[in-house]
Amino acid sequence: MLPCHPAGYPTHLPVQLRGSRADTGNWSWNGDTEKPTLKPSVLLGPVPWGPEMKIYRSHSFINDGMVKYLDDCSHDLKGQTVELLEVDDE
């Protein structure tokens, strides 16, 4: 799970395991559940969020289980690299 969602909700991304992802809207995935890599980058937003309707944007690359947040993010993890959060299977 991406650790940046403003409400702490999981972010679900459709992935393509085989073949071309062209025109699918899916991300390619390396098949590794422990240290996933997704391509291309993940962009969430920009969307208005919270009582002040502040514009929220998160843009990142996920490589080997690490999330690199780019400098165009609007949250506190901007410019940082952190581990993906564990997700319960339940």
Foldseek 3Di string as FASTA:
>chain_A
DDPDDPVRDDDDFAEDDDDDCPPVSHWHWPPDPQFIFTDDKDKDDQFQDDPVRDGFIWIWGRGGQKTATDQVGPDPCHRHIGGDDDDDPD
